[in-house]
Amino acid sequence: MSELKNWCTLPTSVGNFRMYDTGDEDVRLISRGDVNTLGKHPLLRIHSSCLASEVFGAKDCDCADQLRESMKLIAIEGEGIIIHLHQEGRGQGISNKIRAVRLMESDDLDTVEAFEHLGLEQDNRDYDSALDILKSLGVISVRLISNNPRKRKFLQMNDIEVVSVNTHPNIRPENEAYLHTKNQKLGHQLPLDEIPVDEDEIRFYHSDQPWGEFSNFSPHSIFIEGVNWLTVEHYYQAQKFIEPELKEKIRLSKTPTLAKDTATEMKNLQREDWAELKEDVMLKALRGKFSQHPELAKLLLSTIPKRLVESTSNDTFWGESIDGEGQNMLGELLMLVRTELE
């Protein structure tokens, strides 16, 4: 597909992506890194458009939430693609979508009932254009960021190996009933009622999810070394360097993801003793965070005596996967700070 040679940088709140010209205005492609040099098992999101949430900020669905989480997952990994398809209203178009939502409002129907009342097929989307892109890139195996088994089945039927990666919805009063309807009537697999692996554990990861206050990316500034750092992540990433100008460059990053990206780009300038220092740096940052924000200290103390776990398979040093792989050093340091506060 020759069109994929035409691209530009897409600067976002979670770092720089590339936006590619697919030759079709209704098929948008963004990637982290060069889309033509993907690894063997890349993260993939096939996403259908939702103007209401993605452009105008509507809260009654989870479309924009899923798109943002997908971008964050790909940014953290450093590689992956999102294929954004213009398919409003599960493929029925924006006019029918508006009719359906209006019926839901006026007649107290759920999304499935509204589609049935209008005589519409529940999900009329197709993913042929996404498949064409994947085939042109030689992709034969993906980690699909989706809760929709229909997407997974489509790719598998077209000889692409699929491992599913769930998104974790932000449940709001405006979208709670809709999310449960997707699971119960449309066969989606949203983790709405996840049971913790251990009732004596608290697992956290994304800063905008439950217990996200414990994430290094949470929006809580810290005052250390005479200056203000926007997040713990800003401070931690800056300490990888000795030169004041490099630290300042990271400190001024607009988001924690951009701070991490900036540090990664300058990795060749990183101090040689960083491996020996990083735990002490993190502990200093966490002490600052929980001593300078009384509401966070109260929240941390409320977790006694539960074990705290950064739940991720992306970092086996700071986190721990659902399967128990990893050292969970961030969780260990948080529990140390908790003991000190106690």
Protein backbone atom coordinates (compact mmCIF):
# COMPACT_ATOMS: atom_id res chain seq x y z
CA MET A 1 0.00 0.00 0.00
CA SER A 2 2.04 2.92 -1.34
CA GLU A 3 -0.08 5.51 0.49
CA LEU A 4 1.52 4.51 3.79
CA LYS A 5 4.68 6.34 2.77
CA ASN A 6 2.91 9.66 3.32
CA TRP A 7 2.83 10.57 7.01
CA CYS A 8 3.28 13.39 9.51
CA THR A 9 3.97 13.64 13.22
CA LEU A 10 0.92 13.67 15.48
CA PRO A 11 1.88 15.26 18.83
CA THR A 12 -0.55 14.15 21.56
CA SER A 13 -0.85 14.33 25.34
CA VAL A 14 0.65 10.83 25.55
CA GLY A 15 3.53 11.45 23.18
CA ASN A 16 4.25 11.64 19.47
CA PHE A 17 2.46 9.33 17.06
CA ARG A 18 2.52 9.21 13.29
CA MET A 19 -0.59 9.87 11.18
CA TYR A 20 -0.60 8.07 7.84
CA ASP A 21 -2.46 8.73 4.61
CA THR A 22 -4.42 5.56 3.78
CA GLY A 23 -5.89 6.98 0.57
CA ASP A 24 -9.39 6.86 2.10
CA GLU A 25 -10.78 9.77 4.13
CA ASP A 26 -12.94 7.33 6.13
CA VAL A 27 -9.99 5.15 7.17
CA ARG A 28 -7.47 6.82 9.50
CA LEU A 29 -4.26 5.22 10.67
CA ILE A 30 -1.96 6.33 13.47
CA SER A 31 1.02 4.51 14.88
CA ARG A 32 3.69 4.77 17.49
CA GLY A 33 6.88 4.53 15.48
CA ASP A 34 7.19 3.48 11.86
CA VAL A 35 4.12 1.52 10.83
CA ASN A 36 6.22 -0.33 8.25
CA THR A 37 8.57 -1.80 10.86
CA LEU A 38 6.15 -3.21 13.44
CA GLY A 39 7.22 -6.03 15.69
CA LYS A 40 5.87 -9.57 15.36
CA HIS A 41 2.94 -9.18 17.78
CA PRO A 42 1.94 -5.48 17.88
CA LEU A 43 -0.80 -3.83 19.91
CA LEU A 44 -3.74 -3.00 17.64
CA ARG A 45 -6.91 -1.02 18.13
CA ILE A 46 -9.57 -1.10 15.40
CA HIS A 47 -11.79 1.77 16.46
CA SER A 48 -15.11 2.93 15.02
CA SER A 49 -15.73 6.66 15.15
CA CYS A 50 -17.99 8.31 17.73
CA LEU A 51 -18.26 12.03 17.08
CA ALA A 52 -20.45 12.54 20.14
CA SER A 53 -17.78 11.44 22.64
CA GLU A 54 -14.54 11.94 20.71
CA VAL A 55 -15.29 15.45 19.46
CA PHE A 56 -18.00 16.83 21.73
CA GLY A 57 -17.20 15.02 24.98
CA ALA A 58 -20.44 13.06 25.46
CA LYS A 59 -20.38 10.91 28.60
CA ASP A 60 -23.06 8.32 27.81
CA CYS A 61 -20.76 5.79 26.10
CA ASP A 62 -17.19 4.52 26.45
CA CYS A 63 -15.89 5.17 22.91
CA ALA A 64 -13.56 8.07 23.68
CA ASP A 65 -12.42 6.31 26.87
CA GLN A 66 -11.39 3.24 24.87
CA LEU A 67 -9.55 5.32 22.30
CA ARG A 68 -7.60 7.23 24.97
CA GLU A 69 -6.71 4.05 26.86
CA SER A 70 -5.54 2.41 23.63
CA MET A 71 -3.27 5.36 22.90
CA LYS A 72 -1.85 5.19 26.41
CA LEU A 73 -1.18 1.47 26.18
CA ILE A 74 0.57 1.91 22.84
CA ALA A 75 2.54 4.92 24.09
CA ILE A 76 3.74 2.99 27.13
CA GLU A 77 4.85 0.07 24.98
CA GLY A 78 6.44 2.34 22.40
CA GLU A 79 4.88 0.59 19.42
CA GLY A 80 1.45 -0.20 18.01
CA ILE A 81 -1.25 0.99 15.62
CA ILE A 82 -4.78 2.37 15.73
CA ILE A 83 -7.04 2.07 12.70
CA HIS A 84 -9.87 4.59 13.08
CA LEU A 85 -12.89 3.82 10.87
CA HIS A 86 -15.74 6.20 10.06
CA GLN A 87 -18.56 3.90 11.22
CA GLU A 88 -21.00 5.85 13.39
CA GLY A 89 -23.73 4.08 15.32
CA ARG A 90 -22.28 0.58 15.00
CA GLY A 91 -22.22 1.08 11.24
CA GLN A 92 -25.76 2.45 10.88
CA GLY A 93 -24.73 6.06 10.35
CA ILE A 94 -25.14 9.17 12.44
CA SER A 95 -28.77 9.84 11.43
CA ASN A 96 -29.90 6.43 12.69
CA LYS A 97 -27.70 6.83 15.73
CA ILE A 98 -29.46 10.06 16.66
CA ARG A 99 -32.86 8.42 16.17
CA ALA A 100 -31.85 5.52 18.37
CA VAL A 101 -30.47 7.71 21.17
CA ARG A 102 -33.59 9.87 21.07
CA LEU A 103 -35.74 6.75 21.48
CA MET A 104 -33.59 5.68 24.41
CA GLU A 105 -34.23 9.06 26.03
CA SER A 106 -37.96 9.35 25.31
CA ASP A 107 -39.10 5.74 25.76
CA ASP A 108 -36.58 4.57 28.36
CA LEU A 109 -35.11 1.93 26.05
CA ASP A 110 -31.63 0.46 26.06
CA THR A 111 -29.46 0.64 22.95
CA VAL A 112 -30.44 -2.84 21.73
CA GLU A 113 -34.16 -2.17 22.17
CA ALA A 114 -33.88 1.13 20.33
CA PHE A 115 -32.17 -0.51 17.35
CA GLU A 116 -34.82 -3.24 17.32
CA HIS A 117 -37.61 -0.65 17.39
CA LEU A 118 -36.09 1.06 14.34
CA GLY A 119 -35.60 -2.24 12.52
CA LEU A 120 -31.82 -1.83 12.46
CA GLU A 121 -29.19 -4.54 12.54
CA GLN A 122 -27.45 -4.36 15.90
CA ASP A 123 -23.89 -4.17 14.52
CA ASN A 124 -23.47 -3.40 10.84
CA ARG A 125 -19.77 -2.58 10.93
CA ASP A 126 -17.21 -4.19 8.67
CA TYR A 127 -13.47 -4.34 9.08
CA ASP A 128 -12.35 -5.15 5.55
CA SER A 129 -10.41 -1.89 5.16
CA ALA A 130 -8.58 -2.55 8.44
CA LEU A 131 -7.75 -6.07 7.26
CA ASP A 132 -6.36 -4.67 3.99
CA ILE A 133 -3.98 -2.44 5.95
CA LEU A 134 -2.82 -5.28 8.19
CA LYS A 135 -2.25 -7.57 5.22
CA SER A 136 -0.31 -4.87 3.36
CA LEU A 137 1.95 -4.51 6.41
CA GLY A 138 2.49 -8.25 6.66
CA VAL A 139 0.87 -8.43 10.11
CA ILE A 140 -0.16 -11.99 11.00
CA SER A 141 -0.41 -11.75 14.80
CA VAL A 142 -1.77 -8.97 17.02
CA ARG A 143 -2.73 -8.08 20.57
CA LEU A 144 -6.16 -6.64 19.92
CA ILE A 145 -7.25 -3.88 22.29
CA SER A 146 -10.95 -4.62 22.37
CA ASN A 147 -13.80 -6.06 24.41
CA ASN A 148 -15.73 -7.03 21.27
CA PRO A 149 -15.46 -10.75 20.33
CA ARG A 150 -16.84 -9.92 16.86
CA LYS A 151 -13.64 -8.07 15.98
CA ARG A 152 -11.48 -10.88 17.29
CA LYS A 153 -13.44 -13.50 15.34
CA PHE A 154 -13.20 -11.47 12.13
CA LEU A 155 -9.42 -11.27 12.33
CA GLN A 156 -9.07 -14.93 13.25
CA MET A 157 -11.25 -15.97 10.31
CA ASN A 158 -8.85 -14.05 8.10
CA ASP A 159 -5.75 -15.87 9.33
CA ILE A 160 -4.54 -13.34 11.89
CA GLU A 161 -3.61 -14.70 15.31
CA VAL A 162 -5.28 -12.69 18.07
CA VAL A 163 -4.72 -12.21 21.78
CA SER A 164 -7.32 -9.95 23.37
CA VAL A 165 -6.37 -7.01 25.58
CA ASN A 166 -9.31 -5.60 27.54
CA THR A 167 -9.91 -1.91 28.01
CA HIS A 168 -11.12 -0.76 31.42
CA PRO A 169 -14.10 1.58 31.15
CA ASN A 170 -14.68 4.64 33.24
CA ILE A 171 -18.12 3.85 34.64
CA ARG A 172 -20.27 6.96 35.02
CA PRO A 173 -23.97 7.49 35.83
CA GLU A 174 -24.45 8.49 32.19
CA ASN A 175 -23.01 5.26 30.71
CA GLU A 176 -23.39 2.54 33.35
CA ALA A 177 -26.61 1.03 31.96
CA TYR A 178 -25.24 1.23 28.40
CA LEU A 179 -22.06 -0.65 29.35
CA HIS A 180 -24.00 -3.46 31.02
CA THR A 181 -26.26 -3.72 27.97
CA LYS A 182 -23.21 -4.15 25.73
CA ASN A 183 -22.10 -7.09 27.84
CA GLN A 184 -25.48 -8.70 28.41
CA LYS A 185 -27.07 -8.26 24.99
CA LEU A 186 -24.25 -7.66 22.52
CA GLY A 187 -21.74 -10.17 23.86
CA HIS A 188 -19.01 -7.69 24.73
CA GLN A 189 -16.54 -8.56 27.46
CA LEU A 190 -16.11 -5.34 29.38
CA PRO A 191 -14.56 -6.02 32.80
CA LEU A 192 -17.42 -4.35 34.70
CA ASP A 193 -17.53 -6.75 37.64
CA GLU A 194 -13.92 -7.79 37.97
CA ILE A 195 -13.21 -9.77 41.12
CA PRO A 196 -9.79 -8.99 42.56
CA VAL A 197 -7.24 -11.78 42.34
CA ASP A 198 -6.94 -11.59 46.12
CA GLU A 199 -9.37 -9.80 48.42
CA ASP A 200 -6.37 -8.72 50.48
CA GLU A 201 -4.87 -6.84 47.52
CA ILE A 202 -5.48 -3.47 45.92
CA ARG A 203 -4.35 -3.38 42.30
CA PHE A 204 -3.87 -0.09 40.46
CA TYR A 205 -2.34 1.13 37.23
CA HIS A 206 -4.07 3.84 35.16
CA SER A 207 -4.27 7.21 36.87
CA ASP A 208 -7.91 7.66 35.79
CA GLN A 209 -9.05 4.28 37.11
CA PRO A 210 -9.85 3.14 40.69
CA TRP A 211 -6.91 3.74 43.05
CA GLY A 212 -5.21 5.69 40.25
CA GLU A 213 -4.00 8.17 42.86
CA PHE A 214 -1.19 5.70 43.56
CA SER A 215 0.09 5.91 39.98
CA ASN A 216 3.20 7.96 39.23
CA PHE A 217 1.11 9.62 36.52
CA SER A 218 -1.60 10.90 38.87
CA PRO A 219 -2.04 14.69 38.69
CA HIS A 220 -0.45 15.49 42.06
CA SER A 221 2.51 17.83 42.01
CA ILE A 222 5.45 17.57 44.39
CA PHE A 223 7.85 20.24 45.61
CA ILE A 224 11.39 18.86 45.80
CA GLU A 225 14.83 20.44 45.45
CA GLY A 226 13.36 23.94 45.46
CA VAL A 227 11.13 23.46 42.42
CA ASN A 228 7.70 22.11 41.60
CA TRP A 229 7.31 18.88 39.64
CA LEU A 230 3.99 18.27 37.90
CA THR A 231 3.92 14.56 38.83
CA VAL A 232 6.07 11.92 40.49
CA GLU A 233 6.88 10.64 37.00
CA HIS A 234 8.35 14.02 36.02
CA TYR A 235 10.68 14.00 39.00
CA TYR A 236 11.65 10.35 38.59
CA GLN A 237 12.48 10.67 34.90
CA ALA A 238 14.49 13.86 35.41
CA GLN A 239 16.76 12.24 37.99
CA LYS A 240 18.12 9.91 35.32
CA PHE A 241 20.35 12.80 34.28
CA ILE A 242 23.03 14.90 35.95
CA GLU A 243 22.93 17.97 33.70
CA PRO A 244 20.52 20.65 35.06
CA GLU A 245 19.35 21.61 31.57
CA LEU A 246 18.26 18.05 30.83
CA LYS A 247 16.40 17.80 34.12
CA GLU A 248 14.65 21.09 33.40
CA LYS A 249 13.64 19.93 29.93
CA ILE A 250 11.87 16.96 31.47
CA ARG A 251 10.38 19.02 34.31
CA LEU A 252 8.69 21.31 31.78
CA SER A 253 7.04 18.46 29.88
CA LYS A 254 3.29 19.03 29.72
CA THR A 255 2.31 15.48 30.70
CA PRO A 256 3.96 12.57 32.55
CA THR A 257 3.96 10.50 29.37
CA LEU A 258 5.84 13.25 27.55
CA ALA A 259 8.29 13.43 30.45
CA LYS A 260 8.93 9.71 30.08
CA ASP A 261 9.26 10.05 26.30
CA THR A 262 11.76 12.88 26.63
CA ALA A 263 13.90 10.84 29.00
CA THR A 264 13.77 7.86 26.65
CA GLU A 265 14.89 9.99 23.71
CA MET A 266 17.94 11.09 25.72
CA LYS A 267 18.76 7.63 27.07
CA ASN A 268 22.31 7.77 25.71
CA LEU A 269 22.95 10.69 28.12
CA GLN A 270 21.60 8.86 31.18
CA ARG A 271 23.81 8.70 34.27
CA GLU A 272 25.74 5.45 34.61
CA ASP A 273 24.73 4.78 38.22
CA TRP A 274 20.99 5.06 37.60
CA ALA A 275 20.22 1.40 38.32
CA GLU A 276 21.63 1.82 41.83
CA LEU A 277 19.79 5.09 42.47
CA LYS A 278 16.31 4.59 41.04
CA GLU A 279 14.67 3.01 44.10
CA ASP A 280 15.88 5.79 46.39
CA VAL A 281 14.71 8.40 43.87
CA MET A 282 11.27 6.85 43.69
CA LEU A 283 11.01 6.62 47.47
CA LYS A 284 11.94 10.30 47.83
CA ALA A 285 9.28 11.26 45.30
CA LEU A 286 6.60 9.14 47.00
CA ARG A 287 7.43 10.58 50.40
CA GLY A 288 7.01 14.04 48.92
CA LYS A 289 3.73 13.16 47.25
CA PHE A 290 2.04 11.67 50.30
CA SER A 291 3.42 14.17 52.81
CA GLN A 292 2.41 17.17 50.69
CA HIS A 293 -1.11 15.95 49.89
CA PRO A 294 -2.97 15.12 53.14
CA GLU A 295 -5.93 13.65 51.25
CA LEU A 296 -3.59 11.16 49.59
CA ALA A 297 -2.00 10.24 52.90
CA LYS A 298 -5.47 9.54 54.27
CA LEU A 299 -6.31 7.41 51.23
CA LEU A 300 -3.06 5.46 51.54
CA LEU A 301 -3.65 4.78 55.23
CA SER A 302 -7.17 3.57 54.44
CA THR A 303 -5.66 0.60 52.55
CA ILE A 304 -4.15 -0.98 55.68
CA PRO A 305 -3.53 -3.94 55.85
CA LYS A 306 -3.98 -4.74 52.16
CA ARG A 307 -1.11 -5.41 49.79
CA LEU A 308 -0.64 -2.74 47.12
CA VAL A 309 0.18 -3.89 43.61
CA GLU A 310 0.95 -1.94 40.45
CA SER A 311 -0.89 -4.27 38.09
CA THR A 312 0.98 -4.41 34.79
CA SER A 313 2.90 -6.82 32.63
CA ASN A 314 4.76 -3.93 30.94
CA ASP A 315 7.30 -3.46 33.72
CA THR A 316 8.51 -6.45 35.70
CA PHE A 317 10.56 -4.28 38.06
CA TRP A 318 8.02 -1.69 39.24
CA GLY A 319 4.90 -3.76 38.60
CA GLU A 320 3.39 -7.22 38.78
CA SER A 321 1.17 -8.99 36.26
CA ILE A 322 -2.10 -10.74 37.06
CA ASP A 323 -0.12 -13.99 36.93
CA GLY A 324 2.18 -12.78 39.70
CA GLU A 325 5.19 -12.10 37.46
CA GLY A 326 7.25 -9.08 38.51
CA GLN A 327 8.87 -7.52 41.56
CA ASN A 328 6.16 -4.90 42.26
CA MET A 329 8.71 -2.43 43.61
CA LEU A 330 6.30 0.51 43.33
CA GLY A 331 3.80 -1.32 45.48
CA GLU A 332 6.51 -2.24 47.97
CA LEU A 333 7.66 1.38 48.27
CA LEU A 334 4.08 2.60 48.68
CA MET A 335 3.59 0.16 51.53
CA LEU A 336 6.83 1.41 53.10
CA VAL A 337 5.57 5.01 52.91
CA ARG A 338 2.27 3.82 54.38
CA THR A 339 4.11 2.30 57.34
CA GLU A 340 6.01 5.53 57.87
CA LEU A 341 2.78 7.54 57.83
CA GLU A 342 1.17 5.10 60.23
